């Protein structure tokens, strides 16, 4: 069964097994199966903040990983989905959207952040933001 799990925080997927091996597996997925390969070349800036981190598992098999990060030095959209790695057979719009949605939901964003940059660079409206001209919409549940 396909499941999206937290990779940080209490009761996370990483801590439920060999933490070092699981972290290494997450890095392997990102570097070997990056959705945006150019991100594998990025340095981790000192001021980058990790808001949320998730993994996608199919039973006991790790098949994907992603983070929601804040990069204060970026001039455009500072909050973005970063480090998405998915095995090719799991690289579907549905799984990517569900992963993005869970990252955003898990980060408990307030309404001061109107948009988040998605894995593919598109803008995602923060469900907590009250933006004039954009009608309030019910929150979708992720898979």
N, C-alpha and C. Protein backbone atom coordinates (compact mmCIF):
# COMPACT_ATOMS: atom_id res chain seq x y z
N UNK A 1 0.84 -1.18 0.00
CA UNK A 1 0.00 0.00 0.00
C UNK A 1 0.89 1.25 0.00
N UNK A 2 0.55 2.18 -0.83
CA UNK A 2 1.30 3.43 -0.94
C UNK A 2 0.92 4.36 0.21
N UNK A 3 1.93 4.95 0.85
CA UNK A 3 1.69 5.81 2.01
C UNK A 3 2.70 6.95 2.03
N UNK A 4 2.24 8.14 2.43
CA UNK A 4 3.12 9.29 2.63
C UNK A 4 3.32 9.43 4.13
N UNK A 5 4.58 9.45 4.56
CA UNK A 5 4.91 9.49 5.99
C UNK A 5 5.84 10.67 6.29
N UNK A 6 5.75 11.17 7.51
CA UNK A 6 6.67 12.21 7.96
C UNK A 6 8.07 11.63 8.09
N UNK A 7 9.07 12.45 7.76
CA UNK A 7 10.46 12.02 7.90
C UNK A 7 11.15 12.74 9.05
N UNK A 8 10.49 13.74 9.62
CA UNK A 8 11.01 14.45 10.79
C UNK A 8 9.86 14.62 11.79
N UNK A 9 10.22 14.92 13.03
CA UNK A 9 9.21 15.12 14.05
C UNK A 9 8.93 13.83 14.81
N UNK A 10 7.98 13.90 15.73
CA UNK A 10 7.67 12.72 16.53
C UNK A 10 7.07 11.61 15.68
N UNK A 11 7.39 10.38 16.03
CA UNK A 11 6.84 9.20 15.37
C UNK A 11 7.03 9.24 13.86
N UNK A 12 8.23 9.59 13.42
CA UNK A 12 8.49 9.68 11.98
C UNK A 12 9.02 8.37 11.43
N UNK A 13 8.95 8.24 10.11
CA UNK A 13 9.37 7.02 9.42
C UNK A 13 10.84 6.71 9.65
N UNK A 14 11.69 7.72 9.67
CA UNK A 14 13.14 7.52 9.83
C UNK A 14 13.44 6.85 11.17
N UNK A 15 12.80 7.30 12.23
CA UNK A 15 13.10 6.79 13.57
C UNK A 15 12.49 5.41 13.84
N UNK A 16 11.69 4.91 12.92
CA UNK A 16 11.05 3.60 13.13
C UNK A 16 11.90 2.45 12.61
N UNK A 17 13.15 2.74 12.27
CA UNK A 17 14.06 1.71 11.78
C UNK A 17 15.49 2.17 12.00
N UNK A 18 16.41 1.65 11.22
CA UNK A 18 17.81 2.08 11.26
C UNK A 18 17.88 3.49 10.66
N UNK A 19 17.97 4.50 11.53
CA UNK A 19 17.89 5.90 11.09
C UNK A 19 18.96 6.25 10.06
N UNK A 20 20.17 5.78 10.26
CA UNK A 20 21.26 6.10 9.32
C UNK A 20 20.98 5.47 7.96
N UNK A 21 20.59 4.22 7.94
CA UNK A 21 20.30 3.54 6.67
C UNK A 21 19.12 4.19 5.96
N UNK A 22 18.11 4.59 6.72
CA UNK A 22 16.94 5.22 6.10
C UNK A 22 17.28 6.60 5.54
N UNK A 23 18.09 7.37 6.26
CA UNK A 23 18.52 8.69 5.75
C UNK A 23 19.35 8.51 4.48
N UNK A 24 20.23 7.52 4.47
CA UNK A 24 21.05 7.26 3.28
C UNK A 24 20.17 6.85 2.11
N UNK A 25 19.15 6.05 2.36
CA UNK A 25 18.22 5.64 1.30
C UNK A 25 17.47 6.85 0.75
N UNK A 26 17.09 7.78 1.62
CA UNK A 26 16.41 9.00 1.18
C UNK A 26 17.33 9.82 0.28
N UNK A 27 18.60 9.95 0.68
CA UNK A 27 19.55 10.69 -0.15
C UNK A 27 19.75 10.00 -1.50
N UNK A 28 19.84 8.69 -1.49
CA UNK A 28 20.01 7.95 -2.74
C UNK A 28 18.83 8.20 -3.68
N UNK A 29 17.62 8.16 -3.15
CA UNK A 29 16.43 8.40 -3.98
C UNK A 29 16.51 9.81 -4.58
N UNK A 30 16.86 10.80 -3.76
CA UNK A 30 16.93 12.17 -4.27
C UNK A 30 18.01 12.31 -5.34
N UNK A 31 19.20 11.84 -5.06
CA UNK A 31 20.29 12.03 -6.02
C UNK A 31 20.15 11.17 -7.27
N UNK A 32 19.60 9.98 -7.14
CA UNK A 32 19.48 9.08 -8.29
C UNK A 32 18.20 9.28 -9.10
N UNK A 33 17.15 9.80 -8.46
CA UNK A 33 15.85 9.93 -9.13
C UNK A 33 15.22 11.30 -8.90
N UNK A 34 16.04 12.33 -8.92
CA UNK A 34 15.55 13.70 -8.67
C UNK A 34 14.57 14.15 -9.74
N UNK A 35 13.47 14.73 -9.29
CA UNK A 35 12.50 15.31 -10.22
C UNK A 35 13.12 16.51 -10.92
N UNK A 36 13.92 17.28 -10.20
CA UNK A 36 14.65 18.44 -10.75
C UNK A 36 16.14 18.19 -10.52
N UNK A 37 16.82 17.54 -11.47
CA UNK A 37 18.23 17.17 -11.26
C UNK A 37 19.14 18.34 -10.92
N UNK A 38 18.81 19.55 -11.37
CA UNK A 38 19.65 20.70 -11.04
C UNK A 38 19.69 20.96 -9.53
N UNK A 39 18.67 20.53 -8.80
CA UNK A 39 18.67 20.73 -7.34
C UNK A 39 19.73 19.88 -6.65
N UNK A 40 20.16 18.80 -7.27
CA UNK A 40 21.19 17.97 -6.65
C UNK A 40 22.53 18.68 -6.61
N UNK A 41 22.69 19.73 -7.41
CA UNK A 41 23.93 20.50 -7.45
C UNK A 41 23.92 21.68 -6.47
N UNK A 42 22.75 22.00 -5.92
CA UNK A 42 22.64 23.15 -5.02
C UNK A 42 23.32 22.88 -3.68
N UNK A 43 24.01 23.89 -3.20
CA UNK A 43 24.53 23.84 -1.83
C UNK A 43 23.37 24.12 -0.88
N UNK A 44 23.46 23.64 0.33
CA UNK A 44 22.43 23.91 1.35
C UNK A 44 22.84 25.20 2.05
N UNK A 45 22.15 26.33 1.75
CA UNK A 45 22.53 27.60 2.37
C UNK A 45 22.36 27.55 3.89
N UNK A 46 23.19 28.31 4.56
CA UNK A 46 23.17 28.33 6.02
C UNK A 46 21.82 28.79 6.57
N UNK A 47 21.16 29.71 5.85
CA UNK A 47 19.91 30.26 6.35
C UNK A 47 18.66 29.52 5.85
N UNK A 48 18.83 28.44 5.10
CA UNK A 48 17.67 27.66 4.63
C UNK A 48 17.01 27.00 5.84
N UNK A 49 15.68 27.03 5.84
CA UNK A 49 14.91 26.43 6.94
C UNK A 49 14.07 25.28 6.41
N UNK A 50 14.14 24.16 7.08
CA UNK A 50 13.35 22.99 6.72
C UNK A 50 12.01 23.08 7.45
N UNK A 51 10.93 23.18 6.69
CA UNK A 51 9.60 23.26 7.29
C UNK A 51 8.95 21.89 7.43
N UNK A 52 9.19 21.03 6.46
CA UNK A 52 8.56 19.72 6.47
C UNK A 52 9.36 18.78 5.58
N UNK A 53 9.33 17.49 5.92
CA UNK A 53 10.01 16.49 5.09
C UNK A 53 9.16 15.22 5.12
N UNK A 54 8.95 14.65 3.94
CA UNK A 54 8.10 13.47 3.80
C UNK A 54 8.79 12.41 2.96
N UNK A 55 8.34 11.18 3.16
CA UNK A 55 8.76 10.08 2.30
C UNK A 55 7.51 9.40 1.77
N UNK A 56 7.68 8.73 0.64
CA UNK A 56 6.61 7.91 0.07
C UNK A 56 7.11 6.47 0.15
N UNK A 57 6.30 5.61 0.75
CA UNK A 57 6.66 4.20 0.87
C UNK A 57 5.56 3.35 0.24
N UNK A 58 5.99 2.25 -0.34
CA UNK A 58 5.07 1.26 -0.88
C UNK A 58 5.33 -0.01 -0.09
N UNK A 59 4.52 -0.22 0.94
CA UNK A 59 4.80 -1.29 1.90
C UNK A 59 6.04 -0.91 2.68
N UNK A 60 7.07 -1.73 2.61
CA UNK A 60 8.32 -1.42 3.32
C UNK A 60 9.36 -0.78 2.40
N UNK A 61 9.00 -0.55 1.14
CA UNK A 61 9.95 -0.02 0.15
C UNK A 61 9.85 1.50 0.05
N UNK A 62 10.97 2.17 0.23
CA UNK A 62 11.03 3.63 0.05
C UNK A 62 11.01 3.92 -1.45
N UNK A 63 10.06 4.76 -1.88
CA UNK A 63 9.94 5.06 -3.31
C UNK A 63 10.04 6.55 -3.61
N UNK A 64 10.03 7.41 -2.57
CA UNK A 64 10.11 8.84 -2.81
C UNK A 64 10.42 9.63 -1.57
N UNK A 65 10.86 10.85 -1.79
CA UNK A 65 11.20 11.77 -0.70
C UNK A 65 11.05 13.21 -1.18
N UNK A 66 10.76 14.13 -0.26
CA UNK A 66 10.63 15.54 -0.61
C UNK A 66 10.67 16.40 0.65
N UNK A 67 10.99 17.68 0.45
CA UNK A 67 11.05 18.64 1.55
C UNK A 67 10.30 19.91 1.18
N UNK A 68 9.86 20.64 2.18
CA UNK A 68 9.36 22.00 2.02
C UNK A 68 10.35 22.88 2.75
N UNK A 69 11.00 23.80 2.01
CA UNK A 69 12.04 24.63 2.60
C UNK A 69 11.75 26.11 2.37
N UNK A 70 12.32 26.92 3.24
CA UNK A 70 12.28 28.37 3.11
C UNK A 70 13.69 28.85 2.83
N UNK A 71 13.85 29.54 1.71
CA UNK A 71 15.14 30.13 1.33
C UNK A 71 14.99 31.65 1.40
N UNK A 72 15.36 32.28 2.54
CA UNK A 72 15.15 33.72 2.72
C UNK A 72 15.86 34.59 1.68
N UNK A 73 16.94 34.10 1.10
CA UNK A 73 17.70 34.92 0.16
C UNK A 73 17.10 34.93 -1.25
N UNK A 74 16.17 34.04 -1.53
CA UNK A 74 15.52 34.05 -2.85
C UNK A 74 14.65 35.29 -2.97
N UNK A 75 14.72 35.94 -4.11
CA UNK A 75 13.97 37.18 -4.30
C UNK A 75 12.52 36.93 -4.68
N UNK A 76 12.24 35.78 -5.29
CA UNK A 76 10.87 35.52 -5.71
C UNK A 76 10.13 34.74 -4.61
N UNK A 77 9.63 33.61 -4.91
CA UNK A 77 8.91 32.80 -3.92
C UNK A 77 9.94 32.10 -3.03
N UNK A 78 9.92 32.41 -1.75
CA UNK A 78 10.94 31.89 -0.84
C UNK A 78 10.62 30.49 -0.33
N UNK A 79 9.36 30.16 -0.23
CA UNK A 79 8.96 28.85 0.27
C UNK A 79 8.72 27.93 -0.92
N UNK A 80 9.40 26.76 -0.92
CA UNK A 80 9.28 25.89 -2.09
C UNK A 80 9.41 24.42 -1.73
N UNK A 81 8.80 23.62 -2.57
CA UNK A 81 8.97 22.18 -2.49
C UNK A 81 10.32 21.89 -3.12
N UNK A 82 11.16 21.17 -2.40
CA UNK A 82 12.55 20.98 -2.81
C UNK A 82 12.95 19.53 -2.58
N UNK A 83 13.89 19.08 -3.36
CA UNK A 83 14.48 17.76 -3.12
C UNK A 83 13.56 16.60 -3.39
N UNK A 84 12.67 16.76 -4.36
CA UNK A 84 11.76 15.66 -4.68
C UNK A 84 12.52 14.59 -5.46
N UNK A 85 12.50 13.39 -4.93
CA UNK A 85 13.05 12.24 -5.62
C UNK A 85 12.00 11.14 -5.63
N UNK A 86 11.70 10.61 -6.80
CA UNK A 86 10.70 9.54 -6.92
C UNK A 86 11.18 8.50 -7.92
N UNK A 87 11.04 7.25 -7.55
CA UNK A 87 11.35 6.19 -8.51
C UNK A 87 10.46 6.39 -9.74
N UNK A 88 10.97 6.09 -10.93
CA UNK A 88 10.23 6.38 -12.17
C UNK A 88 8.81 5.83 -12.22
N UNK A 89 8.59 4.63 -11.73
CA UNK A 89 7.25 4.05 -11.80
C UNK A 89 6.25 4.71 -10.85
N UNK A 90 6.72 5.60 -9.97
CA UNK A 90 5.85 6.32 -9.04
C UNK A 90 5.77 7.80 -9.38
N UNK A 91 6.36 8.21 -10.45
CA UNK A 91 6.43 9.62 -10.82
C UNK A 91 5.18 10.01 -11.60
N UNK A 92 4.08 10.18 -10.87
CA UNK A 92 2.82 10.57 -11.49
C UNK A 92 2.39 11.92 -10.92
N UNK A 93 1.56 12.63 -11.68
CA UNK A 93 1.05 13.92 -11.20
C UNK A 93 0.30 13.74 -9.88
N UNK A 94 -0.45 12.65 -9.76
CA UNK A 94 -1.22 12.41 -8.55
C UNK A 94 -0.31 12.27 -7.33
N UNK A 95 0.73 11.47 -7.44
CA UNK A 95 1.63 11.26 -6.30
C UNK A 95 2.38 12.55 -5.98
N UNK A 96 2.85 13.27 -6.99
CA UNK A 96 3.56 14.53 -6.75
C UNK A 96 2.65 15.54 -6.07
N UNK A 97 1.41 15.68 -6.55
CA UNK A 97 0.46 16.62 -5.94
C UNK A 97 0.13 16.23 -4.50
N UNK A 98 -0.08 14.94 -4.27
CA UNK A 98 -0.38 14.48 -2.91
C UNK A 98 0.79 14.73 -1.97
N UNK A 99 2.00 14.53 -2.47
CA UNK A 99 3.20 14.78 -1.67
C UNK A 99 3.33 16.26 -1.34
N UNK A 100 3.12 17.12 -2.34
CA UNK A 100 3.17 18.57 -2.11
C UNK A 100 2.12 18.98 -1.08
N UNK A 101 0.93 18.46 -1.22
CA UNK A 101 -0.16 18.80 -0.31
C UNK A 101 0.16 18.39 1.13
N UNK A 102 0.72 17.21 1.30
CA UNK A 102 1.09 16.75 2.65
C UNK A 102 2.22 17.59 3.24
N UNK A 103 3.20 17.97 2.42
CA UNK A 103 4.28 18.83 2.90
C UNK A 103 3.72 20.15 3.42
N UNK A 104 2.80 20.74 2.65
CA UNK A 104 2.21 22.02 3.03
C UNK A 104 1.36 21.86 4.29
N UNK A 105 0.54 20.83 4.32
CA UNK A 105 -0.32 20.57 5.48
C UNK A 105 0.51 20.36 6.75
N UNK A 106 1.59 19.62 6.63
CA UNK A 106 2.43 19.29 7.78
C UNK A 106 3.21 20.49 8.31
N UNK A 107 3.40 21.51 7.49
CA UNK A 107 4.23 22.65 7.91
C UNK A 107 3.47 23.69 8.72
N UNK A 108 2.16 23.58 8.81
CA UNK A 108 1.34 24.50 9.59
C UNK A 108 1.62 25.96 9.23
N UNK A 109 1.58 26.26 7.93
CA UNK A 109 1.83 27.63 7.48
C UNK A 109 0.72 28.54 7.96
N UNK A 110 1.09 29.79 8.23
CA UNK A 110 0.06 30.76 8.56
C UNK A 110 -0.32 31.50 7.27
N UNK A 111 -1.20 32.49 7.41
CA UNK A 111 -1.71 33.17 6.22
C UNK A 111 -0.76 34.23 5.66
N UNK A 112 0.42 34.41 6.26
CA UNK A 112 1.37 35.42 5.78
C UNK A 112 2.12 34.96 4.53
N UNK A 113 2.05 33.69 4.21
CA UNK A 113 2.73 33.14 3.04
C UNK A 113 1.66 32.82 2.00
N UNK A 114 1.49 33.67 0.97
CA UNK A 114 0.40 33.44 0.03
C UNK A 114 0.63 32.29 -0.94
N UNK A 115 1.88 32.08 -1.35
CA UNK A 115 2.16 31.07 -2.36
C UNK A 115 3.37 30.23 -1.99
N UNK A 116 3.37 29.01 -2.50
CA UNK A 116 4.48 28.08 -2.36
C UNK A 116 4.86 27.66 -3.77
N UNK A 117 6.15 27.56 -4.04
CA UNK A 117 6.58 27.07 -5.35
C UNK A 117 6.54 25.54 -5.34
N UNK A 118 5.80 24.98 -6.27
CA UNK A 118 5.68 23.53 -6.36
C UNK A 118 6.93 22.89 -6.92
N UNK A 119 6.93 21.58 -6.93
CA UNK A 119 8.09 20.81 -7.40
C UNK A 119 8.46 21.15 -8.83
N UNK A 120 7.47 21.51 -9.64
CA UNK A 120 7.72 21.82 -11.04
C UNK A 120 7.81 23.33 -11.31
N UNK A 121 7.85 24.13 -10.25
CA UNK A 121 7.97 25.58 -10.40
C UNK A 121 6.65 26.33 -10.42
N UNK A 122 5.52 25.62 -10.49
CA UNK A 122 4.24 26.32 -10.52
C UNK A 122 3.91 26.86 -9.13
N UNK A 123 3.05 27.86 -9.08
CA UNK A 123 2.65 28.44 -7.81
C UNK A 123 1.47 27.66 -7.23
N UNK A 124 1.58 27.35 -5.96
CA UNK A 124 0.51 26.68 -5.23
C UNK A 124 0.00 27.69 -4.20
N UNK A 125 -1.30 27.92 -4.19
CA UNK A 125 -1.88 28.84 -3.21
C UNK A 125 -1.86 28.19 -1.84
N UNK A 126 -1.39 28.95 -0.85
CA UNK A 126 -1.40 28.48 0.53
C UNK A 126 -2.86 28.38 0.97
N UNK A 127 -3.33 27.20 1.36
CA UNK A 127 -4.73 27.07 1.76
C UNK A 127 -5.09 27.92 2.98
N UNK A 128 -4.10 28.33 3.77
CA UNK A 128 -4.37 29.16 4.95
C UNK A 128 -4.41 30.64 4.61
N UNK A 129 -3.95 31.02 3.42
CA UNK A 129 -3.87 32.44 3.05
C UNK A 129 -5.23 32.97 2.63
N UNK A 130 -5.50 34.19 3.03
CA UNK A 130 -6.72 34.88 2.62
C UNK A 130 -6.30 35.90 1.57
N UNK A 131 -6.43 35.53 0.30
CA UNK A 131 -5.97 36.38 -0.79
C UNK A 131 -7.17 36.99 -1.49
N UNK A 132 -7.20 38.31 -1.57
CA UNK A 132 -8.31 38.99 -2.21
C UNK A 132 -8.44 38.53 -3.66
N UNK A 133 -9.67 38.21 -4.04
CA UNK A 133 -9.93 37.77 -5.41
C UNK A 133 -9.85 36.27 -5.61
N UNK A 134 -9.30 35.56 -4.64
CA UNK A 134 -9.25 34.10 -4.74
C UNK A 134 -10.25 33.56 -3.72
N UNK A 135 -11.30 32.90 -4.21
CA UNK A 135 -12.33 32.40 -3.28
C UNK A 135 -11.76 31.33 -2.35
N UNK A 136 -12.28 31.34 -1.14
CA UNK A 136 -11.88 30.30 -0.19
C UNK A 136 -12.32 28.96 -0.75
N UNK A 137 -11.48 27.97 -0.62
CA UNK A 137 -11.82 26.66 -1.15
C UNK A 137 -11.63 25.62 -0.05
N UNK A 138 -12.44 24.61 -0.10
CA UNK A 138 -12.24 23.56 0.90
C UNK A 138 -10.92 22.85 0.66
N UNK A 139 -10.32 22.40 1.73
CA UNK A 139 -9.05 21.68 1.62
C UNK A 139 -9.30 20.28 1.10
N UNK A 140 -8.45 19.87 0.17
CA UNK A 140 -8.51 18.50 -0.33
C UNK A 140 -7.74 17.60 0.62
N UNK A 141 -8.15 16.39 0.68
CA UNK A 141 -7.42 15.41 1.47
C UNK A 141 -6.43 14.72 0.56
N UNK A 142 -5.21 14.55 1.04
CA UNK A 142 -4.18 13.86 0.26
C UNK A 142 -4.43 12.36 0.30
N UNK A 143 -3.83 11.69 -0.63
CA UNK A 143 -3.98 10.23 -0.71
C UNK A 143 -3.37 9.56 0.49
